[in-house]
Amino acid sequence: MIAMLLSFVMAMAPVAATQGSMLPFEVRADKNLIMGKGEKSGETYYDAVISKDATKGILVKLPYTQKGGRFSFDLHHRISLTPSFVDAEVTTIIEVITGGGTSVGVYTLIDKVSARTPFDEAVAKVSTAEVDRYITPVSRKSIVIETRPGPQTLSIVGKTSIVTRGDSSTRIDTPGVRIASISKMKFGELTTGTRLSVD
């Protein structure tokens, strides 16, 4: 009887706004931006290229939402870890832009990387070219973006990669160069969800 009363009180309690269940969305990125699939997770890894053009980035079409939502993804460095790789500090900067080219935000990932730096899963790469043999994602940073109500198109593009060894730095900001990897893209509508606790 007490359990029934408590469940009734919980049902009547106010709710907090949280991210609801995941919604399907369309990835419109060019097929040549697919790096491969994670062997453990089955997640698709995409390459982010340096560009200011939304159509050249990892373009996603988000569904209609009444209250807006949260688009999230994991950002990784994209590095060729050859046996001769020398330890370095790597800075990867990407930008998320709308389909019209307006910036939503700029995101940075900085790590010290060595040839022995492991990634948390092997990636079965699409490319079998020798030049891609040692390419791998490195590190992981989760990015969460609040989206506005209605439908929306977003694109993830690269901005800059900086590799620093001692006093020497190499900066890459040439359009078309692949500098980052993106995985675990998810989208959920903001809805009512988790109930506030009742004493």
N, C-alpha and C. Protein backbone atom coordinates (compact mmCIF):
# COMPACT_ATOMS: atom_id res chain seq x y z
N MET A 1 0.82 -1.19 0.00
CA MET A 1 0.00 0.00 0.00
C MET A 1 0.87 1.26 0.00
N ILE A 2 1.92 1.26 0.86
CA ILE A 2 2.82 2.41 0.94
C ILE A 2 3.55 2.57 -0.38
N ALA A 3 3.95 1.45 -0.99
CA ALA A 3 4.66 1.49 -2.27
C ALA A 3 3.77 2.11 -3.35
N MET A 4 2.49 1.78 -3.34
CA MET A 4 1.56 2.34 -4.32
C MET A 4 1.41 3.84 -4.11
N LEU A 5 1.32 4.25 -2.84
CA LEU A 5 1.18 5.66 -2.52
C LEU A 5 2.42 6.44 -2.97
N LEU A 6 3.61 5.87 -2.69
CA LEU A 6 4.86 6.53 -3.11
C LEU A 6 4.95 6.65 -4.63
N SER A 7 4.57 5.59 -5.34
CA SER A 7 4.65 5.64 -6.80
C SER A 7 3.67 6.69 -7.35
N PHE A 8 2.48 6.84 -6.69
CA PHE A 8 1.52 7.87 -7.11
C PHE A 8 2.10 9.26 -6.87
N VAL A 9 2.75 9.47 -5.71
CA VAL A 9 3.35 10.77 -5.39
C VAL A 9 4.47 11.08 -6.38
N MET A 10 5.29 10.08 -6.71
CA MET A 10 6.38 10.26 -7.67
C MET A 10 5.83 10.65 -9.05
N ALA A 11 4.69 10.04 -9.41
CA ALA A 11 4.10 10.33 -10.72
C ALA A 11 3.60 11.77 -10.78
N MET A 12 3.20 12.33 -9.66
CA MET A 12 2.68 13.69 -9.61
C MET A 12 3.78 14.73 -9.39
N ALA A 13 5.00 14.29 -9.08
CA ALA A 13 6.10 15.22 -8.79
C ALA A 13 6.51 15.98 -10.05
N PRO A 14 7.03 17.21 -9.90
CA PRO A 14 7.48 17.95 -11.07
C PRO A 14 8.66 17.26 -11.73
N VAL A 15 8.82 17.48 -13.02
CA VAL A 15 9.92 16.83 -13.75
C VAL A 15 10.93 17.87 -14.19
N ALA A 16 12.18 17.42 -14.33
CA ALA A 16 13.26 18.30 -14.78
C ALA A 16 13.48 18.09 -16.26
N ALA A 17 13.85 19.15 -16.97
CA ALA A 17 14.14 19.02 -18.40
C ALA A 17 15.46 18.30 -18.58
N THR A 18 15.45 17.23 -19.34
CA THR A 18 16.67 16.46 -19.62
C THR A 18 16.67 16.07 -21.09
N GLN A 19 17.74 15.46 -21.50
CA GLN A 19 17.80 14.98 -22.87
C GLN A 19 16.95 13.74 -22.98
N GLY A 20 16.03 13.74 -23.92
CA GLY A 20 15.15 12.59 -24.10
C GLY A 20 15.84 11.48 -24.85
N SER A 21 15.05 10.56 -25.38
CA SER A 21 15.63 9.44 -26.10
C SER A 21 16.28 9.93 -27.39
N MET A 22 17.21 9.14 -27.87
CA MET A 22 17.94 9.52 -29.07
C MET A 22 17.01 9.51 -30.29
N LEU A 23 17.21 10.47 -31.17
CA LEU A 23 16.43 10.59 -32.39
C LEU A 23 17.30 10.26 -33.60
N PRO A 24 16.71 9.65 -34.62
CA PRO A 24 17.50 9.38 -35.82
C PRO A 24 17.79 10.68 -36.56
N PHE A 25 18.95 10.74 -37.19
CA PHE A 25 19.30 11.90 -38.01
C PHE A 25 20.08 11.40 -39.21
N GLU A 26 20.20 12.27 -40.20
CA GLU A 26 20.83 11.86 -41.45
C GLU A 26 22.25 12.43 -41.55
N VAL A 27 23.22 11.54 -41.79
CA VAL A 27 24.59 11.98 -42.02
C VAL A 27 24.76 12.12 -43.53
N ARG A 28 25.03 13.38 -43.97
CA ARG A 28 25.15 13.66 -45.40
C ARG A 28 26.60 13.88 -45.82
N ALA A 29 27.53 13.42 -44.99
CA ALA A 29 28.95 13.58 -45.31
C ALA A 29 29.30 12.74 -46.53
N ASP A 30 30.21 13.25 -47.33
CA ASP A 30 30.69 12.51 -48.48
C ASP A 30 31.28 11.18 -48.01
N LYS A 31 31.04 10.13 -48.78
CA LYS A 31 31.51 8.79 -48.39
C LYS A 31 33.02 8.72 -48.20
N ASN A 32 33.77 9.57 -48.92
CA ASN A 32 35.23 9.51 -48.79
C ASN A 32 35.72 10.07 -47.46
N LEU A 33 34.82 10.62 -46.64
CA LEU A 33 35.19 11.10 -45.30
C LEU A 33 35.09 10.00 -44.24
N ILE A 34 34.61 8.83 -44.63
CA ILE A 34 34.53 7.72 -43.67
C ILE A 34 35.91 7.11 -43.50
N MET A 35 36.44 7.17 -42.27
CA MET A 35 37.73 6.54 -41.97
C MET A 35 37.57 5.03 -41.83
N GLY A 36 36.52 4.62 -41.10
CA GLY A 36 36.28 3.20 -40.87
C GLY A 36 35.33 2.98 -39.72
N LYS A 37 35.30 1.73 -39.23
CA LYS A 37 34.41 1.39 -38.11
C LYS A 37 35.22 0.87 -36.94
N GLY A 38 34.80 1.25 -35.73
CA GLY A 38 35.44 0.74 -34.52
C GLY A 38 35.19 -0.74 -34.38
N GLU A 39 36.24 -1.53 -34.13
CA GLU A 39 36.09 -2.98 -34.07
C GLU A 39 35.34 -3.44 -32.82
N LYS A 40 35.39 -2.66 -31.75
CA LYS A 40 34.63 -3.01 -30.54
C LYS A 40 33.24 -2.40 -30.55
N SER A 41 33.16 -1.12 -30.86
CA SER A 41 31.90 -0.37 -30.74
C SER A 41 31.02 -0.45 -31.98
N GLY A 42 31.62 -0.69 -33.14
CA GLY A 42 30.85 -0.65 -34.38
C GLY A 42 30.54 0.77 -34.84
N GLU A 43 31.06 1.77 -34.10
CA GLU A 43 30.83 3.18 -34.44
C GLU A 43 31.59 3.54 -35.72
N THR A 44 30.97 4.40 -36.53
CA THR A 44 31.63 4.91 -37.72
C THR A 44 32.50 6.09 -37.34
N TYR A 45 33.74 6.09 -37.81
CA TYR A 45 34.67 7.19 -37.60
C TYR A 45 34.77 7.99 -38.90
N TYR A 46 34.60 9.31 -38.80
CA TYR A 46 34.66 10.20 -39.96
C TYR A 46 35.90 11.09 -39.85
N ASP A 47 36.46 11.47 -40.99
CA ASP A 47 37.56 12.43 -41.03
C ASP A 47 37.00 13.83 -41.17
N ALA A 48 37.49 14.77 -40.36
CA ALA A 48 37.13 16.17 -40.49
C ALA A 48 38.22 16.88 -41.28
N VAL A 49 37.84 17.54 -42.37
CA VAL A 49 38.79 18.25 -43.22
C VAL A 49 38.72 19.75 -42.97
N ILE A 50 39.83 20.41 -43.19
CA ILE A 50 39.87 21.86 -43.03
C ILE A 50 39.05 22.50 -44.16
N SER A 51 38.04 23.27 -43.78
CA SER A 51 37.18 23.91 -44.76
C SER A 51 36.31 24.97 -44.08
N LYS A 52 35.83 25.92 -44.87
CA LYS A 52 34.83 26.87 -44.40
C LYS A 52 33.49 26.59 -45.06
N ASP A 53 33.47 25.57 -45.92
CA ASP A 53 32.29 25.19 -46.69
C ASP A 53 31.59 24.03 -45.98
N ALA A 54 30.35 24.25 -45.53
CA ALA A 54 29.61 23.22 -44.79
C ALA A 54 29.46 21.93 -45.58
N THR A 55 29.32 22.03 -46.89
CA THR A 55 29.10 20.82 -47.70
C THR A 55 30.34 19.94 -47.77
N LYS A 56 31.51 20.49 -47.45
CA LYS A 56 32.75 19.69 -47.48
C LYS A 56 33.05 19.06 -46.12
N GLY A 57 32.28 19.42 -45.10
CA GLY A 57 32.49 18.87 -43.77
C GLY A 57 31.65 17.63 -43.52
N ILE A 58 31.61 17.22 -42.25
CA ILE A 58 30.76 16.09 -41.85
C ILE A 58 29.37 16.69 -41.60
N LEU A 59 28.56 16.67 -42.65
CA LEU A 59 27.26 17.34 -42.66
C LEU A 59 26.19 16.43 -42.08
N VAL A 60 25.43 16.95 -41.12
CA VAL A 60 24.34 16.17 -40.52
C VAL A 60 23.05 16.98 -40.58
N LYS A 61 21.97 16.30 -40.94
CA LYS A 61 20.64 16.93 -40.98
C LYS A 61 19.87 16.42 -39.78
N LEU A 62 19.61 17.33 -38.83
CA LEU A 62 18.91 16.97 -37.60
C LEU A 62 17.41 17.09 -37.81
N PRO A 63 16.63 16.23 -37.16
CA PRO A 63 15.18 16.27 -37.34
C PRO A 63 14.55 17.46 -36.61
N TYR A 64 13.28 17.68 -36.90
CA TYR A 64 12.52 18.75 -36.25
C TYR A 64 12.41 18.49 -34.75
N THR A 65 12.61 19.53 -33.96
CA THR A 65 12.38 19.43 -32.51
C THR A 65 11.54 20.62 -32.07
N GLN A 66 10.66 20.40 -31.10
CA GLN A 66 9.83 21.49 -30.58
C GLN A 66 10.59 22.38 -29.61
N LYS A 67 11.44 21.77 -28.79
CA LYS A 67 12.14 22.52 -27.75
C LYS A 67 13.64 22.64 -27.98
N GLY A 68 14.12 22.15 -29.10
CA GLY A 68 15.56 22.09 -29.31
C GLY A 68 16.10 20.76 -28.82
N GLY A 69 17.39 20.57 -28.93
CA GLY A 69 17.95 19.29 -28.52
C GLY A 69 19.42 19.40 -28.22
N ARG A 70 20.06 18.24 -28.11
CA ARG A 70 21.49 18.17 -27.86
C ARG A 70 22.12 17.26 -28.90
N PHE A 71 23.06 17.83 -29.65
CA PHE A 71 23.84 17.06 -30.61
C PHE A 71 25.21 16.83 -29.97
N SER A 72 25.65 15.59 -29.94
CA SER A 72 26.93 15.30 -29.30
C SER A 72 27.77 14.40 -30.21
N PHE A 73 29.08 14.47 -30.01
CA PHE A 73 30.01 13.62 -30.74
C PHE A 73 31.33 13.59 -29.99
N ASP A 74 32.17 12.62 -30.33
CA ASP A 74 33.51 12.53 -29.77
C ASP A 74 34.52 13.05 -30.80
N LEU A 75 35.45 13.88 -30.32
CA LEU A 75 36.51 14.46 -31.14
C LEU A 75 37.82 13.74 -30.84
N HIS A 76 38.58 13.40 -31.88
CA HIS A 76 39.88 12.73 -31.74
C HIS A 76 40.89 13.42 -32.65
N HIS A 77 42.16 13.40 -32.23
CA HIS A 77 43.22 13.77 -33.16
C HIS A 77 43.25 12.71 -34.26
N ARG A 78 43.68 13.08 -35.45
CA ARG A 78 43.89 12.12 -36.54
C ARG A 78 45.37 12.17 -36.87
N ILE A 79 46.09 11.10 -36.50
CA ILE A 79 47.55 11.13 -36.55
C ILE A 79 48.09 9.88 -37.24
N SER A 80 49.19 10.05 -37.95
CA SER A 80 49.91 8.91 -38.51
C SER A 80 50.99 8.51 -37.51
N LEU A 81 50.71 7.46 -36.73
CA LEU A 81 51.67 7.00 -35.71
C LEU A 81 52.61 5.96 -36.31
N THR A 82 53.53 6.45 -37.13
CA THR A 82 54.53 5.57 -37.73
C THR A 82 55.53 5.15 -36.66
N PRO A 83 56.29 4.07 -36.88
CA PRO A 83 57.29 3.65 -35.90
C PRO A 83 58.31 4.74 -35.59
N SER A 84 58.51 5.68 -36.53
CA SER A 84 59.49 6.75 -36.31
C SER A 84 58.86 8.01 -35.72
N PHE A 85 57.60 7.94 -35.33
CA PHE A 85 56.92 9.13 -34.78
C PHE A 85 57.66 9.61 -33.52
N VAL A 86 57.93 10.90 -33.47
CA VAL A 86 58.62 11.51 -32.32
C VAL A 86 57.58 12.17 -31.43
N ASP A 87 57.71 11.96 -30.11
CA ASP A 87 56.75 12.53 -29.16
C ASP A 87 56.49 14.00 -29.44
N ALA A 88 55.23 14.41 -29.31
CA ALA A 88 54.86 15.79 -29.61
C ALA A 88 53.62 16.19 -28.83
N GLU A 89 53.42 17.50 -28.71
CA GLU A 89 52.15 18.01 -28.20
C GLU A 89 51.32 18.34 -29.43
N VAL A 90 50.12 17.76 -29.50
CA VAL A 90 49.27 17.94 -30.67
C VAL A 90 48.02 18.73 -30.27
N THR A 91 47.75 19.77 -31.02
CA THR A 91 46.55 20.59 -30.82
C THR A 91 45.68 20.45 -32.07
N THR A 92 44.44 20.03 -31.87
CA THR A 92 43.50 19.90 -32.98
C THR A 92 42.32 20.83 -32.71
N ILE A 93 42.02 21.69 -33.68
CA ILE A 93 40.93 22.64 -33.53
C ILE A 93 39.92 22.41 -34.65
N ILE A 94 38.65 22.21 -34.25
CA ILE A 94 37.59 22.03 -35.23
C ILE A 94 36.52 23.10 -34.99
N GLU A 95 35.61 23.21 -35.94
CA GLU A 95 34.50 24.16 -35.80
C GLU A 95 33.22 23.47 -36.25
N VAL A 96 32.13 23.80 -35.59
CA VAL A 96 30.82 23.33 -36.02
C VAL A 96 30.10 24.54 -36.61
N ILE A 97 29.65 24.39 -37.86
CA ILE A 97 28.96 25.48 -38.53
C ILE A 97 27.58 25.02 -39.00
N THR A 98 26.70 25.97 -39.23
CA THR A 98 25.39 25.64 -39.78
C THR A 98 25.52 25.40 -41.27
N GLY A 99 24.44 24.90 -41.88
CA GLY A 99 24.45 24.69 -43.32
C GLY A 99 24.72 25.97 -44.09
N GLY A 100 24.39 27.12 -43.48
CA GLY A 100 24.64 28.41 -44.12
C GLY A 100 26.02 28.97 -43.83
N GLY A 101 26.82 28.28 -43.03
CA GLY A 101 28.19 28.71 -42.75
C GLY A 101 28.38 29.53 -41.49
N THR A 102 27.33 29.69 -40.67
CA THR A 102 27.45 30.44 -39.42
C THR A 102 28.07 29.56 -38.35
N SER A 103 29.04 30.08 -37.61
CA SER A 103 29.73 29.30 -36.58
C SER A 103 28.83 29.03 -35.39
N VAL A 104 28.79 27.78 -34.95
CA VAL A 104 28.06 27.39 -33.75
C VAL A 104 29.03 27.31 -32.58
N GLY A 105 30.29 26.98 -32.85
CA GLY A 105 31.31 26.89 -31.81
C GLY A 105 32.61 26.33 -32.34
N VAL A 106 33.70 26.68 -31.66
CA VAL A 106 35.04 26.18 -31.99
C VAL A 106 35.50 25.34 -30.81
N TYR A 107 36.07 24.16 -31.10
CA TYR A 107 36.43 23.20 -30.05
C TYR A 107 37.88 22.74 -30.24
N THR A 108 38.60 22.65 -29.12
CA THR A 108 40.02 22.35 -29.14
C THR A 108 40.33 21.09 -28.33
N LEU A 109 41.24 20.28 -28.84
CA LEU A 109 41.73 19.08 -28.15
C LEU A 109 43.25 19.17 -28.13
N ILE A 110 43.86 19.09 -26.94
CA ILE A 110 45.32 19.19 -26.80
C ILE A 110 45.82 17.98 -25.99
N ASP A 111 46.82 17.29 -26.52
CA ASP A 111 47.39 16.13 -25.83
C ASP A 111 48.86 15.98 -26.16
N LYS A 112 49.59 15.35 -25.23
CA LYS A 112 50.95 14.90 -25.52
C LYS A 112 50.82 13.51 -26.10
N VAL A 113 51.41 13.31 -27.28
CA VAL A 113 51.25 12.05 -28.01
C VAL A 113 52.61 11.44 -28.27
N SER A 114 52.70 10.12 -28.05
CA SER A 114 53.91 9.38 -28.40
C SER A 114 53.52 8.24 -29.32
N ALA A 115 54.53 7.60 -29.92
CA ALA A 115 54.26 6.48 -30.82
C ALA A 115 53.62 5.32 -30.07
N ARG A 116 53.76 5.31 -28.75
CA ARG A 116 53.18 4.23 -27.94
C ARG A 116 51.79 4.59 -27.40
N THR A 117 51.27 5.77 -27.78
CA THR A 117 49.95 6.19 -27.30
C THR A 117 48.89 5.27 -27.88
N PRO A 118 48.21 4.51 -27.02
CA PRO A 118 47.20 3.59 -27.55
C PRO A 118 45.85 4.31 -27.70
N PHE A 119 45.05 3.87 -28.66
CA PHE A 119 43.67 4.33 -28.75
C PHE A 119 42.81 3.24 -28.13
N ASP A 120 41.61 3.60 -27.66
CA ASP A 120 40.83 2.63 -26.90
C ASP A 120 40.17 1.54 -27.74
N GLU A 121 40.26 1.63 -29.07
CA GLU A 121 39.80 0.53 -29.91
C GLU A 121 40.46 0.61 -31.28
N ALA A 122 40.62 -0.53 -31.90
CA ALA A 122 41.15 -0.57 -33.26
C ALA A 122 40.05 -0.14 -34.23
N VAL A 123 40.45 0.52 -35.31
CA VAL A 123 39.49 0.96 -36.32
C VAL A 123 39.78 0.21 -37.61
N ALA A 124 38.75 -0.49 -38.12
CA ALA A 124 38.87 -1.17 -39.41
C ALA A 124 38.70 -0.11 -40.49
N LYS A 125 39.82 0.30 -41.09
CA LYS A 125 39.81 1.42 -42.02
C LYS A 125 39.27 1.04 -43.39
N VAL A 126 38.62 2.01 -44.02
CA VAL A 126 38.09 1.83 -45.36
C VAL A 126 39.24 1.81 -46.36
N SER A 127 40.18 2.75 -46.20
CA SER A 127 41.31 2.87 -47.14
C SER A 127 42.37 1.80 -46.87
N THR A 128 42.82 1.19 -47.93
CA THR A 128 43.91 0.20 -47.82
C THR A 128 45.22 0.77 -48.36
N ALA A 129 45.21 2.07 -48.67
CA ALA A 129 46.41 2.72 -49.21
C ALA A 129 47.53 2.71 -48.17
N GLU A 130 48.75 2.57 -48.64
CA GLU A 130 49.92 2.52 -47.75
C GLU A 130 50.04 3.81 -46.93
N VAL A 131 49.67 4.94 -47.53
CA VAL A 131 49.77 6.22 -46.82
C VAL A 131 48.85 6.28 -45.59
N ASP A 132 47.78 5.49 -45.60
CA ASP A 132 46.84 5.47 -44.48
C ASP A 132 47.10 4.34 -43.48
N ARG A 133 48.14 3.59 -43.71
CA ARG A 133 48.40 2.40 -42.89
C ARG A 133 48.52 2.72 -41.40
N TYR A 134 49.21 3.82 -41.06
CA TYR A 134 49.44 4.14 -39.65
C TYR A 134 48.49 5.21 -39.10
N ILE A 135 47.55 5.66 -39.93
CA ILE A 135 46.58 6.67 -39.47
C ILE A 135 45.69 6.07 -38.39
N THR A 136 45.51 6.83 -37.32
CA THR A 136 44.66 6.35 -36.23
C THR A 136 44.06 7.55 -35.47
N PRO A 137 42.88 7.36 -34.90
CA PRO A 137 42.39 8.37 -33.96
C PRO A 137 43.23 8.29 -32.69
N VAL A 138 43.41 9.41 -32.02
CA VAL A 138 44.13 9.44 -30.74
C VAL A 138 43.36 10.34 -29.80
N SER A 139 43.22 9.89 -28.55
CA SER A 139 42.53 10.65 -27.50
C SER A 139 41.02 10.73 -27.79
N ARG A 140 40.29 11.30 -26.85
CA ARG A 140 38.83 11.38 -27.00
C ARG A 140 38.32 12.53 -26.14
N LYS A 141 37.52 13.40 -26.75
CA LYS A 141 36.87 14.50 -26.02
C LYS A 141 35.42 14.57 -26.49
N SER A 142 34.49 14.52 -25.54
CA SER A 142 33.07 14.59 -25.88
C SER A 142 32.64 16.04 -26.01
N ILE A 143 31.96 16.35 -27.11
CA ILE A 143 31.45 17.69 -27.39
C ILE A 143 29.93 17.61 -27.38
N VAL A 144 29.28 18.55 -26.68
CA VAL A 144 27.81 18.61 -26.64
C VAL A 144 27.38 20.00 -27.08
N ILE A 145 26.45 20.04 -28.02
CA ILE A 145 25.96 21.31 -28.57
C ILE A 145 24.45 21.39 -28.38
N GLU A 146 23.99 22.48 -27.78
CA GLU A 146 22.55 22.71 -27.63
C GLU A 146 22.03 23.25 -28.97
N THR A 147 20.99 22.65 -29.50
CA THR A 147 20.43 23.10 -30.78
C THR A 147 19.12 23.84 -30.57
N ARG A 148 18.76 24.63 -31.54
CA ARG A 148 17.53 25.42 -31.44
C ARG A 148 16.33 24.57 -31.85
N PRO A 149 15.11 25.03 -31.51
CA PRO A 149 13.91 24.31 -31.98
C PRO A 149 13.83 24.32 -33.51
N GLY A 150 13.11 23.34 -34.04
CA GLY A 150 12.95 23.24 -35.49
C GLY A 150 13.99 22.32 -36.10
N PRO A 151 13.98 22.19 -37.42
CA PRO A 151 15.00 21.37 -38.09
C PRO A 151 16.31 22.15 -38.18
N GLN A 152 17.42 21.47 -38.32
CA GLN A 152 18.71 22.16 -38.39
C GLN A 152 19.73 21.29 -39.11
N THR A 153 20.61 21.94 -39.86
CA THR A 153 21.72 21.25 -40.51
C THR A 153 23.02 21.79 -39.92
N LEU A 154 23.88 20.88 -39.46
CA LEU A 154 25.18 21.26 -38.90
C LEU A 154 26.28 20.55 -39.67
N SER A 155 27.47 21.13 -39.66
CA SER A 155 28.62 20.51 -40.31
C SER A 155 29.85 20.66 -39.42
N ILE A 156 30.60 19.57 -39.29
CA ILE A 156 31.83 19.57 -38.50
C ILE A 156 32.99 19.70 -39.47
N VAL A 157 33.77 20.77 -39.31
CA VAL A 157 34.91 21.01 -40.20
C VAL A 157 36.17 21.23 -39.38
N GLY A 158 37.32 20.95 -39.98
CA GLY A 158 38.59 21.22 -39.33
C GLY A 158 38.97 22.68 -39.48
N LYS A 159 39.74 23.19 -38.52
CA LYS A 159 40.27 24.56 -38.61
C LYS A 159 41.79 24.54 -38.68
N THR A 160 42.42 23.96 -37.63
CA THR A 160 43.88 23.99 -37.54
C THR A 160 44.39 22.79 -36.77
N SER A 161 45.57 22.33 -37.14
CA SER A 161 46.30 21.33 -36.37
C SER A 161 47.69 21.89 -36.12
N ILE A 162 48.15 21.80 -34.87
CA ILE A 162 49.48 22.29 -34.50
C ILE A 162 50.24 21.16 -33.81
N VAL A 163 51.41 20.83 -34.33
CA VAL A 163 52.27 19.80 -33.74
C VAL A 163 53.52 20.49 -33.22
N THR A 164 53.74 20.38 -31.89
CA THR A 164 54.88 21.06 -31.26
C THR A 164 55.85 20.04 -30.69
N ARG A 165 57.13 20.20 -31.08
CA ARG A 165 58.21 19.38 -30.53
C ARG A 165 59.30 20.34 -30.07
N GLY A 166 59.47 20.44 -28.76
CA GLY A 166 60.44 21.39 -28.22
C GLY A 166 60.06 22.80 -28.57
N ASP A 167 60.99 23.53 -29.21
CA ASP A 167 60.73 24.92 -29.59
C ASP A 167 60.16 25.05 -31.00
N SER A 168 59.96 23.91 -31.67
CA SER A 168 59.51 23.93 -33.06
C SER A 168 58.04 23.54 -33.16
N SER A 169 57.27 24.32 -33.92
CA SER A 169 55.85 24.03 -34.13
C SER A 169 55.54 24.00 -35.62
N THR A 170 54.70 23.04 -36.01
CA THR A 170 54.20 22.96 -37.37
C THR A 170 52.71 23.18 -37.34
N ARG A 171 52.25 24.19 -38.08
CA ARG A 171 50.83 24.54 -38.11
C ARG A 171 50.25 24.13 -39.46
N ILE A 172 49.13 23.40 -39.42
CA ILE A 172 48.47 22.99 -40.66
C ILE A 172 47.09 23.66 -40.71
N ASP A 173 46.88 24.49 -41.73
CA ASP A 173 45.56 25.10 -41.91
C ASP A 173 45.20 25.18 -43.39
N THR A 174 45.74 24.22 -44.15
CA THR A 174 45.50 24.16 -45.60
C THR A 174 44.14 23.51 -45.87
N PRO A 175 43.27 24.18 -46.62
CA PRO A 175 41.95 23.59 -46.94
C PRO A 175 42.08 22.21 -47.56
N GLY A 176 41.21 21.30 -47.14
CA GLY A 176 41.18 19.95 -47.68
C GLY A 176 41.99 18.93 -46.90
N VAL A 177 42.84 19.38 -45.97
CA VAL A 177 43.66 18.45 -45.18
C VAL A 177 42.81 17.85 -44.06
N ARG A 178 42.94 16.54 -43.85
CA ARG A 178 42.20 15.84 -42.80
C ARG A 178 42.99 15.95 -41.50
N ILE A 179 42.38 16.55 -40.47
CA ILE A 179 43.13 16.78 -39.23
C ILE A 179 42.50 16.15 -37.99
N ALA A 180 41.25 15.72 -38.09
CA ALA A 180 40.56 15.19 -36.89
C ALA A 180 39.69 14.01 -37.28
N SER A 181 39.33 13.23 -36.28
CA SER A 181 38.37 12.15 -36.47
C SER A 181 37.18 12.41 -35.55
N ILE A 182 36.00 12.04 -36.02
CA ILE A 182 34.76 12.24 -35.28
C ILE A 182 34.04 10.90 -35.17
N SER A 183 33.52 10.61 -33.98
CA SER A 183 32.75 9.38 -33.78
C SER A 183 31.62 9.64 -32.79
N LYS A 184 30.81 8.62 -32.56
CA LYS A 184 29.73 8.64 -31.57
C LYS A 184 28.79 9.83 -31.70
N MET A 185 28.38 10.14 -32.92
CA MET A 185 27.42 11.23 -33.10
C MET A 185 26.05 10.78 -32.60
N LYS A 186 25.42 11.65 -31.79
CA LYS A 186 24.09 11.34 -31.24
C LYS A 186 23.27 12.62 -31.19
N PHE A 187 21.95 12.44 -31.25
CA PHE A 187 21.06 13.60 -31.13
C PHE A 187 19.83 13.20 -30.34
N GLY A 188 19.48 14.04 -29.36
CA GLY A 188 18.28 13.81 -28.56
C GLY A 188 17.53 15.10 -28.35
N GLU A 189 16.21 15.01 -28.37
CA GLU A 189 15.38 16.19 -28.14
C GLU A 189 15.31 16.49 -26.66
N LEU A 190 15.27 17.78 -26.30
CA LEU A 190 15.07 18.17 -24.91
C LEU A 190 13.61 17.94 -24.57
N THR A 191 13.37 17.07 -23.61
CA THR A 191 12.00 16.76 -23.21
C THR A 191 11.94 16.67 -21.71
N THR A 192 10.73 16.45 -21.17
CA THR A 192 10.63 16.17 -19.75
C THR A 192 11.13 14.76 -19.52
N GLY A 193 11.77 14.55 -18.40
CA GLY A 193 12.34 13.21 -18.18
C GLY A 193 12.51 12.88 -16.74
N THR A 194 13.73 12.96 -16.23
CA THR A 194 14.04 12.53 -14.89
C THR A 194 13.21 13.25 -13.86
N ARG A 195 12.61 12.50 -12.98
CA ARG A 195 11.76 13.10 -11.95
C ARG A 195 12.60 13.56 -10.77
N LEU A 196 12.17 14.65 -10.17
CA LEU A 196 12.85 15.13 -8.97
C LEU A 196 12.54 14.19 -7.83
N SER A 197 13.51 14.00 -6.94
CA SER A 197 13.31 13.05 -5.84
C SER A 197 12.31 13.60 -4.83
N VAL A 198 11.56 12.70 -4.21
CA VAL A 198 10.57 13.08 -3.18
C VAL A 198 10.95 12.38 -1.90
N ASP A 199 11.07 13.13 -0.80
CA ASP A 199 11.42 12.52 0.49
C ASP A 199 10.18 12.04 1.21
